[in-house]
Each structure stands twice: as C-alpha cells, then as structure tokens.
N, C-alpha and C. Protein backbone atom coordinates (compact mmCIF):
# COMPACT_ATOMS: atom_id res chain seq x y z
N UNK A 1 81.42 102.54 86.89
CA UNK A 1 81.00 102.82 88.38
C UNK A 1 81.05 101.54 88.89
N UNK A 2 81.12 101.61 90.41
CA UNK A 2 81.19 100.49 91.05
C UNK A 2 80.74 100.76 92.54
N UNK A 3 80.16 99.80 93.13
CA UNK A 3 79.83 99.79 94.60
C UNK A 3 80.77 98.88 95.30
N UNK A 4 81.56 99.44 96.24
CA UNK A 4 82.64 98.67 96.80
C UNK A 4 82.63 98.57 98.53
N UNK A 5 83.39 97.59 99.13
CA UNK A 5 83.25 97.68 100.41
C UNK A 5 84.16 98.79 100.82
N UNK A 6 83.81 99.31 102.06
CA UNK A 6 84.55 100.50 102.66
C UNK A 6 85.71 99.94 103.12
N UNK A 7 87.02 100.82 103.10
CA UNK A 7 88.35 100.45 103.78
C UNK A 7 88.19 100.48 105.33
N UNK A 8 88.83 99.63 106.18
CA UNK A 8 88.83 99.81 107.60
C UNK A 8 88.98 100.68 108.27
N UNK A 9 89.82 101.73 107.67
CA UNK A 9 90.06 102.97 108.45
C UNK A 9 88.88 103.89 108.64
N UNK A 10 87.83 103.68 107.68
CA UNK A 10 86.71 104.43 107.67
C UNK A 10 85.58 103.85 108.74
N UNK A 11 85.88 102.65 109.08
CA UNK A 11 85.01 102.00 110.09
C UNK A 11 83.39 101.91 109.86
N UNK A 12 83.26 102.18 108.55
CA UNK A 12 81.77 102.14 108.16
C UNK A 12 81.46 100.84 107.31
N UNK A 13 80.16 99.97 107.47
CA UNK A 13 79.83 98.94 107.07
C UNK A 13 79.29 99.17 105.68
N UNK A 14 78.77 100.61 105.52
CA UNK A 14 78.00 101.04 104.32
C UNK A 14 79.10 100.96 103.00
N UNK A 15 78.48 100.55 101.84
CA UNK A 15 79.49 100.56 100.68
C UNK A 15 79.82 102.06 100.23
N UNK A 16 80.80 101.93 99.46
CA UNK A 16 81.29 103.06 98.92
C UNK A 16 81.14 103.15 97.36
N UNK A 17 80.47 104.39 96.79
CA UNK A 17 80.12 104.36 95.43
C UNK A 17 81.33 104.96 94.85
N UNK A 18 81.86 104.37 93.71
CA UNK A 18 83.01 104.99 92.94
C UNK A 18 82.67 105.11 91.44
N UNK A 19 83.31 106.03 90.87
CA UNK A 19 83.08 106.39 89.39
C UNK A 19 84.27 106.96 88.84
N UNK A 20 84.28 106.66 87.53
CA UNK A 20 85.45 107.31 86.80
C UNK A 20 85.13 107.44 85.23
N UNK A 21 85.82 108.44 84.66
CA UNK A 21 85.75 108.72 83.27
C UNK A 21 87.22 108.90 83.04
N UNK A 22 87.56 108.50 81.49
CA UNK A 22 88.89 108.71 81.06
C UNK A 22 88.86 108.86 79.39
N UNK A 23 89.81 109.87 79.06
CA UNK A 23 90.00 110.19 77.89
C UNK A 23 91.54 109.77 77.58
N UNK A 24 91.76 108.94 76.56
CA UNK A 24 93.11 108.45 76.20
C UNK A 24 93.16 108.27 74.43
N UNK A 25 94.11 109.04 74.04
CA UNK A 25 94.36 109.03 72.80
C UNK A 25 95.76 108.49 72.38
N UNK A 26 96.43 108.06 73.46
CA UNK A 26 97.72 107.23 73.06
C UNK A 26 98.85 108.15 73.61
N UNK A 27 98.73 109.32 73.69
CA UNK A 27 99.75 110.44 73.94
C UNK A 27 99.25 111.07 75.16
N UNK A 28 97.87 111.55 75.19
CA UNK A 28 97.45 112.23 76.32
C UNK A 28 96.21 111.53 77.04
N UNK A 29 96.52 111.56 78.19
CA UNK A 29 95.31 110.80 79.20
C UNK A 29 94.88 111.74 80.19
N UNK A 30 93.55 111.94 80.10
CA UNK A 30 92.75 112.80 81.14
C UNK A 30 91.83 111.86 82.06
N UNK A 31 91.72 112.01 83.21
CA UNK A 31 90.90 111.16 84.08
C UNK A 31 90.34 112.03 85.15
N UNK A 32 88.98 111.58 85.52
CA UNK A 32 88.38 112.23 86.55
C UNK A 32 87.83 111.16 87.27
N UNK A 33 87.98 110.90 88.60
CA UNK A 33 87.22 109.85 89.37
C UNK A 33 86.71 110.40 90.63
N UNK A 34 85.94 109.69 91.27
CA UNK A 34 85.25 110.06 92.64
C UNK A 34 84.76 108.90 93.48
N UNK A 35 84.61 109.37 94.49
CA UNK A 35 83.82 108.31 95.50
C UNK A 35 82.93 109.03 96.42
N UNK A 36 82.05 108.10 97.04
CA UNK A 36 81.04 108.78 98.06
C UNK A 36 80.73 107.64 98.98
N UNK A 37 80.85 107.84 100.27
CA UNK A 37 80.47 106.91 101.26
C UNK A 37 80.32 107.40 102.57
N UNK A 38 80.38 106.67 103.63
CA UNK A 38 80.33 107.30 105.03
C UNK A 38 81.26 106.71 105.73
N UNK A 39 82.08 107.52 106.78
CA UNK A 39 83.03 107.02 107.64
C UNK A 39 82.40 107.18 109.10
N UNK A 40 82.93 106.68 109.98
CA UNK A 40 82.45 106.60 111.30
C UNK A 40 83.60 106.33 112.24
N UNK A 41 83.35 106.73 113.52
CA UNK A 41 84.46 106.62 114.46
C UNK A 41 84.39 105.20 114.82
N UNK A 42 85.38 104.71 115.65
CA UNK A 42 85.54 103.29 115.81
C UNK A 42 84.51 102.95 117.00
N UNK A 43 84.11 103.84 117.65
CA UNK A 43 82.99 103.61 118.53
C UNK A 43 81.35 103.81 118.35
N UNK A 44 81.35 104.42 116.91
CA UNK A 44 80.17 104.27 116.15
C UNK A 44 79.41 105.52 116.68
N UNK A 45 80.13 106.36 117.30
CA UNK A 45 79.34 107.79 118.00
C UNK A 45 79.02 108.83 116.79
N UNK A 46 80.09 109.04 115.88
CA UNK A 46 80.08 109.95 114.74
C UNK A 46 80.19 109.30 113.47
N UNK A 47 79.18 109.83 112.64
CA UNK A 47 79.42 109.42 111.28
C UNK A 47 79.26 110.43 110.42
N UNK A 48 80.16 110.65 109.35
CA UNK A 48 80.29 111.80 108.42
C UNK A 48 80.08 111.25 106.99
N UNK A 49 79.76 112.27 106.14
CA UNK A 49 79.90 112.01 104.70
C UNK A 49 81.54 111.79 104.14
N UNK A 50 81.65 110.93 103.37
CA UNK A 50 83.04 110.83 102.89
C UNK A 50 82.99 110.99 101.41
N UNK A 51 83.83 111.77 100.79
CA UNK A 51 83.70 112.04 99.30
C UNK A 51 85.06 112.35 98.92
N UNK A 52 85.37 112.12 97.71
CA UNK A 52 86.85 112.50 97.07
C UNK A 52 86.77 112.70 95.74
N UNK A 53 87.42 113.38 95.35
CA UNK A 53 87.59 113.58 93.69
C UNK A 53 89.13 113.50 93.36
N UNK A 54 89.50 113.08 92.31
CA UNK A 54 90.65 113.03 91.77
C UNK A 54 90.93 113.48 90.33
N UNK A 55 91.54 114.28 90.03
CA UNK A 55 91.91 114.76 88.62
C UNK A 55 93.14 114.22 88.34
N UNK A 56 93.44 113.59 87.16
CA UNK A 56 94.80 113.13 86.87
C UNK A 56 95.10 113.26 85.36
N UNK A 57 96.23 113.52 84.77
CA UNK A 57 96.40 113.54 83.71
C UNK A 57 97.99 113.09 83.25
N UNK A 58 98.27 112.61 81.98
CA UNK A 58 99.56 112.10 81.74
C UNK A 58 99.78 112.66 80.19
N UNK A 59 101.07 112.52 79.88
CA UNK A 59 101.63 112.84 78.45
C UNK A 59 102.76 112.27 78.29
N UNK A 60 102.99 111.58 77.09
CA UNK A 60 104.05 110.98 76.63
C UNK A 60 104.77 111.78 75.73
N UNK A 61 105.76 112.85 76.27
CA UNK A 61 106.42 113.89 75.54
C UNK A 61 107.25 113.58 74.46
N UNK A 62 107.99 112.30 74.72
CA UNK A 62 109.02 111.84 73.88
C UNK A 62 109.06 110.53 73.90
N UNK A 63 109.90 109.71 72.99
CA UNK A 63 109.97 108.34 73.07
C UNK A 63 110.50 107.67 74.24
N UNK A 64 109.63 106.97 74.85
CA UNK A 64 109.87 106.25 76.11
C UNK A 64 109.60 107.07 77.49
N UNK A 65 109.23 108.21 77.21
CA UNK A 65 108.84 109.07 78.33
C UNK A 65 107.54 109.31 79.03
N UNK A 66 107.36 109.32 80.02
CA UNK A 66 105.82 109.57 80.60
C UNK A 66 105.96 110.74 81.76
N UNK A 67 105.11 111.62 81.70
CA UNK A 67 104.94 112.53 82.75
C UNK A 67 103.74 112.62 83.12
N UNK A 68 103.26 112.41 84.38
CA UNK A 68 102.01 112.34 84.85
C UNK A 68 101.77 113.10 86.12
N UNK A 69 100.70 113.77 86.44
CA UNK A 69 100.20 114.34 87.59
C UNK A 69 98.91 113.90 87.96
N UNK A 70 98.78 113.88 89.45
CA UNK A 70 97.51 113.83 89.97
C UNK A 70 97.03 114.69 91.12
N UNK A 71 95.88 115.14 91.20
CA UNK A 71 95.39 116.02 92.36
C UNK A 71 94.06 115.31 93.16
N UNK A 72 94.33 115.33 94.36
CA UNK A 72 93.04 114.86 94.99
C UNK A 72 92.51 115.73 96.07
N UNK A 73 91.32 115.85 96.31
CA UNK A 73 90.76 116.56 97.28
C UNK A 73 89.47 115.88 97.84
N UNK A 74 89.04 115.90 99.04
CA UNK A 74 87.93 115.42 99.65
C UNK A 74 87.88 115.40 101.14
N UNK A 75 86.97 114.98 101.69
CA UNK A 75 86.64 114.89 103.06
C UNK A 75 86.43 113.36 103.60
N UNK A 76 87.20 113.09 104.66
CA UNK A 76 87.33 111.88 105.35
C UNK A 76 87.75 110.58 104.62
N UNK A 77 88.86 110.97 103.79
CA UNK A 77 89.34 110.09 102.88
C UNK A 77 90.85 109.64 103.24
N UNK A 78 91.42 110.12 104.27
CA UNK A 78 92.81 109.93 104.71
C UNK A 78 93.05 108.52 104.49
N UNK A 79 92.12 107.47 105.16
CA UNK A 79 92.54 105.91 104.93
C UNK A 79 92.77 105.48 103.63
N UNK A 80 92.39 106.22 102.64
CA UNK A 80 92.64 105.76 101.11
C UNK A 80 94.04 106.36 100.65
N UNK A 81 94.54 107.16 101.46
CA UNK A 81 95.79 107.92 100.93
C UNK A 81 97.13 107.30 101.46
N UNK A 82 98.23 107.62 100.87
CA UNK A 82 99.53 107.09 101.32
C UNK A 82 99.74 107.19 102.90
N UNK A 83 99.44 108.40 103.26
CA UNK A 83 99.54 108.88 104.80
C UNK A 83 98.66 108.11 105.72
N UNK A 84 97.57 107.35 105.28
CA UNK A 84 96.52 106.77 106.18
C UNK A 84 96.09 107.61 107.26
N UNK A 85 95.81 108.92 106.90
CA UNK A 85 95.37 109.80 107.85
C UNK A 85 94.00 109.44 108.39
N UNK A 86 93.52 109.98 109.49
CA UNK A 86 92.38 109.75 110.27
C UNK A 86 91.17 110.30 109.36
N UNK A 87 90.09 109.74 109.16
CA UNK A 87 88.86 110.25 108.39
C UNK A 87 88.21 111.22 109.33
N UNK A 88 88.31 111.01 110.62
CA UNK A 88 87.36 111.64 111.52
C UNK A 88 88.46 112.14 112.70
N UNK A 89 88.48 113.45 112.86
CA UNK A 89 89.31 113.85 114.11
C UNK A 89 88.40 114.86 115.03
N UNK A 90 88.34 114.43 116.36
CA UNK A 90 87.33 115.02 117.28
C UNK A 90 85.99 115.31 116.67
N UNK A 91 85.47 114.37 116.21
CA UNK A 91 84.09 114.50 115.82
C UNK A 91 83.72 115.05 114.43
N UNK A 92 84.91 115.42 113.79
CA UNK A 92 84.74 116.40 112.65
C UNK A 92 85.35 115.45 111.46
N UNK A 93 84.77 115.68 110.14
CA UNK A 93 85.29 114.95 108.97
C UNK A 93 86.66 115.75 108.77
N UNK A 94 87.85 115.11 108.29
CA UNK A 94 89.14 115.81 108.09
C UNK A 94 89.22 115.81 106.65
N UNK A 95 89.13 117.07 106.07
CA UNK A 95 89.35 117.49 104.79
C UNK A 95 90.85 117.34 104.47
N UNK A 96 91.20 117.00 103.03
CA UNK A 96 92.68 116.80 102.59
C UNK A 96 92.60 117.11 101.17
N UNK A 97 93.88 117.64 100.71
CA UNK A 97 94.10 117.90 99.53
C UNK A 97 95.56 117.21 99.19
N UNK A 98 95.73 116.79 98.16
CA UNK A 98 97.13 116.30 97.72
C UNK A 98 97.39 116.14 96.23
N UNK A 99 98.62 115.95 95.99
CA UNK A 99 98.80 115.88 94.59
C UNK A 99 100.44 115.05 94.40
N UNK A 100 100.47 114.56 93.24
CA UNK A 100 101.87 113.87 92.91
C UNK A 100 102.09 114.18 91.50
N UNK A 101 103.40 114.26 91.42
CA UNK A 101 103.95 114.54 90.08
C UNK A 101 105.18 113.53 89.72
N UNK A 102 105.20 112.97 88.66
CA UNK A 102 106.01 111.81 88.22
C UNK A 102 106.38 111.92 86.71
N UNK A 103 107.83 111.50 86.70
CA UNK A 103 108.49 111.53 85.49
C UNK A 103 109.13 110.01 85.37
N UNK A 104 108.80 109.43 84.47
CA UNK A 104 109.28 108.09 83.92
C UNK A 104 109.85 108.11 82.64
N UNK A 105 110.88 107.09 82.74
CA UNK A 105 111.50 106.99 81.40
C UNK A 105 112.26 105.57 80.96
N UNK A 106 111.76 105.04 79.99
CA UNK A 106 112.24 103.87 79.38
C UNK A 106 113.84 104.14 79.09
N UNK A 107 114.76 103.03 79.51
CA UNK A 107 116.23 102.95 79.09
C UNK A 107 116.33 101.70 78.41
N UNK A 108 116.15 101.77 77.13
CA UNK A 108 116.24 100.70 76.38
C UNK A 108 114.81 99.66 76.51
N UNK A 109 115.16 98.50 76.04
CA UNK A 109 113.73 97.56 76.19
C UNK A 109 113.85 97.08 77.46
N UNK A 110 114.72 96.82 78.35
CA UNK A 110 114.52 96.28 79.55
C UNK A 110 114.23 97.17 80.77
N UNK A 111 114.91 98.47 80.76
CA UNK A 111 114.99 99.15 82.15
C UNK A 111 113.86 100.32 81.86
N UNK A 112 113.18 100.56 83.33
CA UNK A 112 112.27 101.73 83.15
C UNK A 112 112.53 102.54 84.63
N UNK A 113 113.14 103.74 84.52
CA UNK A 113 113.24 104.45 85.86
C UNK A 113 112.50 105.61 86.11
N UNK A 114 112.05 106.12 87.41
CA UNK A 114 111.06 107.22 87.56
C UNK A 114 111.55 107.77 88.89
N UNK A 115 110.98 108.93 89.02
CA UNK A 115 111.05 109.79 90.13
C UNK A 115 109.64 110.47 90.32
N UNK A 116 109.21 110.58 91.59
CA UNK A 116 107.98 111.16 91.98
C UNK A 116 108.03 111.89 93.15
N UNK A 117 107.32 112.89 93.29
CA UNK A 117 107.20 113.81 94.45
C UNK A 117 105.54 113.92 94.83
N UNK A 118 105.10 113.91 96.21
CA UNK A 118 103.90 113.90 96.48
C UNK A 118 103.71 114.61 97.73
N UNK A 119 102.54 115.27 97.87
CA UNK A 119 102.19 115.88 99.21
C UNK A 119 100.91 115.76 99.52
N UNK A 120 100.34 115.61 100.94
CA UNK A 120 99.24 115.65 101.35
C UNK A 120 98.94 116.67 102.50
N UNK A 121 97.91 117.48 102.60
CA UNK A 121 97.62 118.66 103.55
C UNK A 121 96.13 118.28 103.88
N UNK A 122 96.36 118.17 105.35
CA UNK A 122 95.10 117.78 106.18
C UNK A 122 94.48 119.15 106.82
N UNK A 123 93.27 119.31 106.95
CA UNK A 123 92.88 120.31 107.93
C UNK A 123 93.02 120.20 109.27
N UNK A 124 92.80 118.96 109.76
CA UNK A 124 92.90 118.65 111.22
C UNK A 124 94.03 117.59 111.52
N UNK A 125 94.79 118.00 112.60
CA UNK A 125 95.90 117.15 112.97
C UNK A 125 95.48 115.34 112.94
N UNK A 126 95.99 114.73 111.99
CA UNK A 126 95.75 113.42 111.92
C UNK A 126 96.90 112.41 112.29
N UNK A 127 97.00 111.08 112.48
CA UNK A 127 98.11 110.24 112.63
C UNK A 127 97.77 109.02 111.64
N UNK A 128 99.06 108.19 111.54
CA UNK A 128 98.81 107.09 110.72
C UNK A 128 98.23 105.87 111.23
N UNK A 129 97.51 105.89 112.62
CA UNK A 129 96.78 104.90 113.21
C UNK A 129 95.22 105.20 112.99
N UNK A 130 94.30 104.47 112.55
CA UNK A 130 93.15 104.85 112.43
C UNK A 130 92.29 104.96 113.53
N UNK A 131 92.97 104.37 114.71
CA UNK A 131 92.17 104.46 116.07
C UNK A 131 92.68 105.86 116.75
N UNK A 132 93.62 106.53 116.20
CA UNK A 132 94.28 107.90 116.68
C UNK A 132 95.18 107.54 117.76
N UNK A 133 95.47 106.13 117.90
CA UNK A 133 96.43 106.12 119.16
C UNK A 133 97.97 106.56 118.76
N UNK A 134 98.35 106.95 117.66
CA UNK A 134 99.69 107.12 117.31
C UNK A 134 100.15 108.43 118.14
N UNK A 135 101.54 108.56 118.29
CA UNK A 135 101.82 109.73 118.98
C UNK A 135 102.44 110.85 118.18
N UNK A 136 102.41 110.68 116.80
CA UNK A 136 103.01 111.95 115.82
C UNK A 136 101.67 112.50 115.18
N UNK A 137 100.97 113.47 115.42
CA UNK A 137 99.95 114.07 114.72
C UNK A 137 100.56 114.99 113.94
N UNK A 138 99.79 114.79 112.57
CA UNK A 138 100.65 115.69 111.52
C UNK A 138 99.35 116.15 110.64
N UNK A 139 99.53 117.29 109.88
CA UNK A 139 98.85 117.90 108.81
C UNK A 139 99.37 117.94 107.69
N UNK A 140 100.81 117.72 107.62
CA UNK A 140 101.63 117.70 106.32
C UNK A 140 102.20 116.71 106.11
N UNK A 141 102.45 115.94 104.77
CA UNK A 141 103.29 114.76 104.52
C UNK A 141 103.69 115.15 103.03
N UNK A 142 105.01 114.82 102.97
CA UNK A 142 105.62 114.94 101.60
C UNK A 142 106.52 113.68 101.46
N UNK A 143 106.49 113.38 100.26
CA UNK A 143 107.24 111.87 99.84
C UNK A 143 107.99 112.10 98.41
N UNK A 144 109.26 111.35 98.53
CA UNK A 144 110.02 111.45 97.19
C UNK A 144 110.25 110.02 96.85
N UNK A 145 109.95 109.36 95.74
CA UNK A 145 110.14 108.20 95.31
C UNK A 145 110.88 107.96 94.19
N UNK A 146 112.10 107.20 94.05
CA UNK A 146 112.92 107.03 92.94
C UNK A 146 112.93 105.43 92.74
N UNK A 147 112.69 104.94 91.66
CA UNK A 147 112.59 103.58 91.47
C UNK A 147 113.12 103.14 90.19
N UNK A 148 113.35 101.84 90.04
CA UNK A 148 113.74 101.23 88.60
C UNK A 148 113.29 99.93 88.60
N UNK A 149 112.79 99.55 87.20
CA UNK A 149 112.22 98.41 87.02
C UNK A 149 113.09 97.84 85.87
N UNK A 150 113.25 96.45 86.06
CA UNK A 150 114.15 95.64 85.15
C UNK A 150 113.33 94.56 84.52
N UNK A 151 113.02 94.52 83.36
CA UNK A 151 112.36 93.22 82.60
C UNK A 151 113.35 92.10 82.39
N UNK A 152 113.59 91.29 83.51
CA UNK A 152 114.51 90.11 83.24
C UNK A 152 114.20 89.17 82.10
N UNK A 153 112.94 88.96 82.12
CA UNK A 153 112.49 87.79 81.14
C UNK A 153 110.95 88.35 80.63
N UNK A 154 110.35 87.63 79.70
CA UNK A 154 108.95 88.29 79.49
C UNK A 154 108.04 87.96 80.68
N UNK A 155 108.38 87.06 81.69
CA UNK A 155 107.45 86.88 82.84
C UNK A 155 107.96 87.45 84.08
N UNK A 156 109.23 87.89 84.20
CA UNK A 156 109.73 88.30 85.38
C UNK A 156 110.44 89.73 85.30
N UNK A 157 109.92 90.50 86.23
CA UNK A 157 110.32 92.01 86.46
C UNK A 157 110.83 91.94 87.98
N UNK A 158 112.15 92.55 87.85
CA UNK A 158 112.75 93.06 89.27
C UNK A 158 112.66 94.54 89.49
N UNK A 159 112.57 94.90 90.62
CA UNK A 159 112.33 96.37 90.90
C UNK A 159 113.02 96.79 92.27
N UNK A 160 113.41 97.96 92.29
CA UNK A 160 113.79 98.73 93.64
C UNK A 160 113.36 99.90 93.74
N UNK A 161 113.21 100.33 94.93
CA UNK A 161 112.62 101.62 95.11
C UNK A 161 113.26 102.45 96.48
N UNK A 162 113.54 103.55 96.35
CA UNK A 162 114.01 104.42 97.43
C UNK A 162 112.95 105.42 97.82
N UNK A 163 112.39 105.52 99.11
CA UNK A 163 111.50 106.26 99.50
C UNK A 163 111.82 107.23 100.77
N UNK A 164 111.85 108.52 100.44
CA UNK A 164 112.13 109.48 101.20
C UNK A 164 110.87 110.17 101.73
N UNK A 165 110.36 110.28 103.10
CA UNK A 165 109.05 110.87 103.55
C UNK A 165 109.69 111.99 104.68
N UNK A 166 108.76 112.90 104.63
CA UNK A 166 108.77 113.97 105.74
C UNK A 166 107.30 114.44 106.35
N UNK A 167 107.17 114.37 107.53
CA UNK A 167 105.94 114.93 107.95
C UNK A 167 106.07 115.87 109.33
N UNK A 168 105.06 116.58 109.47
CA UNK A 168 105.26 117.54 110.57
C UNK A 168 104.64 117.02 111.84
N UNK A 169 104.88 117.57 113.00
CA UNK A 169 104.15 117.29 114.35
C UNK A 169 103.32 118.60 114.46
N UNK A 170 102.22 118.32 114.38
CA UNK A 170 101.10 119.64 114.62
C UNK A 170 101.13 120.06 115.81
N UNK A 171 101.73 119.41 116.95
CA UNK A 171 101.60 119.88 118.29
C UNK A 171 102.72 120.59 118.64
N UNK A 172 104.10 120.25 118.09
CA UNK A 172 105.23 120.97 118.47
C UNK A 172 105.68 121.91 117.31
N UNK A 173 105.37 121.44 116.04
CA UNK A 173 105.82 122.16 114.98
C UNK A 173 107.15 121.65 114.43
N UNK A 174 107.71 120.37 115.10
CA UNK A 174 108.87 119.75 114.57
C UNK A 174 108.44 119.08 113.27
N UNK A 175 109.60 118.81 112.42
CA UNK A 175 109.31 117.59 111.34
C UNK A 175 109.96 116.45 111.58
N UNK A 176 109.74 115.47 111.05
CA UNK A 176 110.42 114.05 111.09
C UNK A 176 110.57 113.61 109.81
N UNK A 177 111.52 112.93 109.58
CA UNK A 177 111.75 112.26 108.25
C UNK A 177 112.17 110.73 108.34
N UNK A 178 111.97 109.93 107.26
CA UNK A 178 112.23 108.55 107.17
C UNK A 178 112.63 108.18 105.81
N UNK A 179 113.63 107.36 105.73
CA UNK A 179 114.00 106.89 104.43
C UNK A 179 113.60 105.12 104.48
N UNK A 180 113.53 104.79 103.28
CA UNK A 180 113.38 103.00 103.28
C UNK A 180 113.68 102.78 101.61
N UNK A 181 114.20 101.51 101.62
CA UNK A 181 114.62 100.96 100.39
C UNK A 181 113.82 99.65 100.38
N UNK A 182 113.21 99.36 99.10
CA UNK A 182 112.46 98.08 98.97
C UNK A 182 112.96 97.60 97.60
N UNK A 183 112.74 96.21 97.76
CA UNK A 183 112.99 95.42 96.48
C UNK A 183 111.82 94.58 96.11
N UNK A 184 111.57 93.95 94.90
CA UNK A 184 110.50 93.21 94.74
C UNK A 184 110.79 92.49 93.45
N UNK A 185 110.26 91.52 93.23
CA UNK A 185 110.09 90.48 92.09
C UNK A 185 108.91 90.20 91.66
N UNK A 186 108.33 90.29 90.30
CA UNK A 186 107.03 90.08 90.06
C UNK A 186 107.17 88.82 88.88
N UNK A 187 106.55 87.75 89.17
CA UNK A 187 106.58 86.49 87.99
C UNK A 187 105.27 86.46 87.64
N UNK A 188 104.93 86.65 86.29
CA UNK A 188 103.77 86.53 85.64
C UNK A 188 103.64 85.09 85.06
N UNK A 189 102.83 84.27 85.14
CA UNK A 189 102.56 82.87 84.59
C UNK A 189 101.30 82.74 84.01
C-alpha cells in the first residue's frame, strides 16, 4: 500500500491511495491493484471520486516465452492511461475500461522481442489534453506495439519500438491513425 501524489491531469491536491497484491510462483503471476483518490476540474468547480482496479496475469508457457494480459476499469482515471483521457467531462466522472495482451520471446541470450495490443473505451468523449482544449474527442483508442531489446553488454541495453495507434472522433465518427518509431539506450552503472 502507498499514499502518493496525484497526477497533474487529475488536478487534485489530495493524495491517492494505492494497494496491490501478487501471487508469483515463477511460472504463473496473478496481480490485483487499485487506487482511490479525488479528481477535479482545472477551475476547481467539480470534484469527483477517482478509483481504478487492475487485474493482470502472466504465464511463461515455454522456455524464453512470456504471455501477459491486463484489464483495467475505473472512474476518472484517464490521466493514468496511455490515452491520457480526461478525468472529468462536462462535470461528470469519465468511466473507462481497457486491456492489453502481450507476447514476448527471448531469442538467444541477448535478444528479446515482443508484440502487444491494447484498447481503451471511455463512456464520455475525452481528448488527450487535460484541459479539454484538444480538437479530437475520442471514446476509443487502440494501439499495437512491436519492439526488440538487445543486451549489448552487461550494462548496456539497446531497444527499438514501432507503435501504431488508432482512435475515433466521437463528433464525426471518423477514425484517425498514427505511427511512430522510437529507439532507446539504457546504461546501468
């Protein structure tokens, strides 16, 4: 359990209570976690309860393989998710459900590759700017991530990832997509 500072997209100065429990036998992992706090509009006029629950599990079905799933549900937790959706829309807490499914595989001693699919569904049209100023109001967001990690040395890991995302425009019904590639290097010393 922990008491943490609230994220900026929730606009509250009240702390957030988080808790988690995990079962792990080396092959199977099951985890439940949750949070509770307050979210408010940027002008402070509306305050709502903010809560979320995540259920996740993973299994190592074969040598070097990993399959994991996550499910999240909650109210006013958009700022915590990949879509950075609004916590409050038109004075109401924005409910959200989402999930991710990921498969990873070691390729020898130095390479690890993976692919993941994720989806978020909001009850109220939201956008990616916490103040609501964005022009794209969405209720659905889908992403695919394909990545690779290379352990160059004991202390240096290189990685690359391709991300494809698609979200809808709740006003027009149109969908928009985007792609990006990112690379990274991590040096541990």
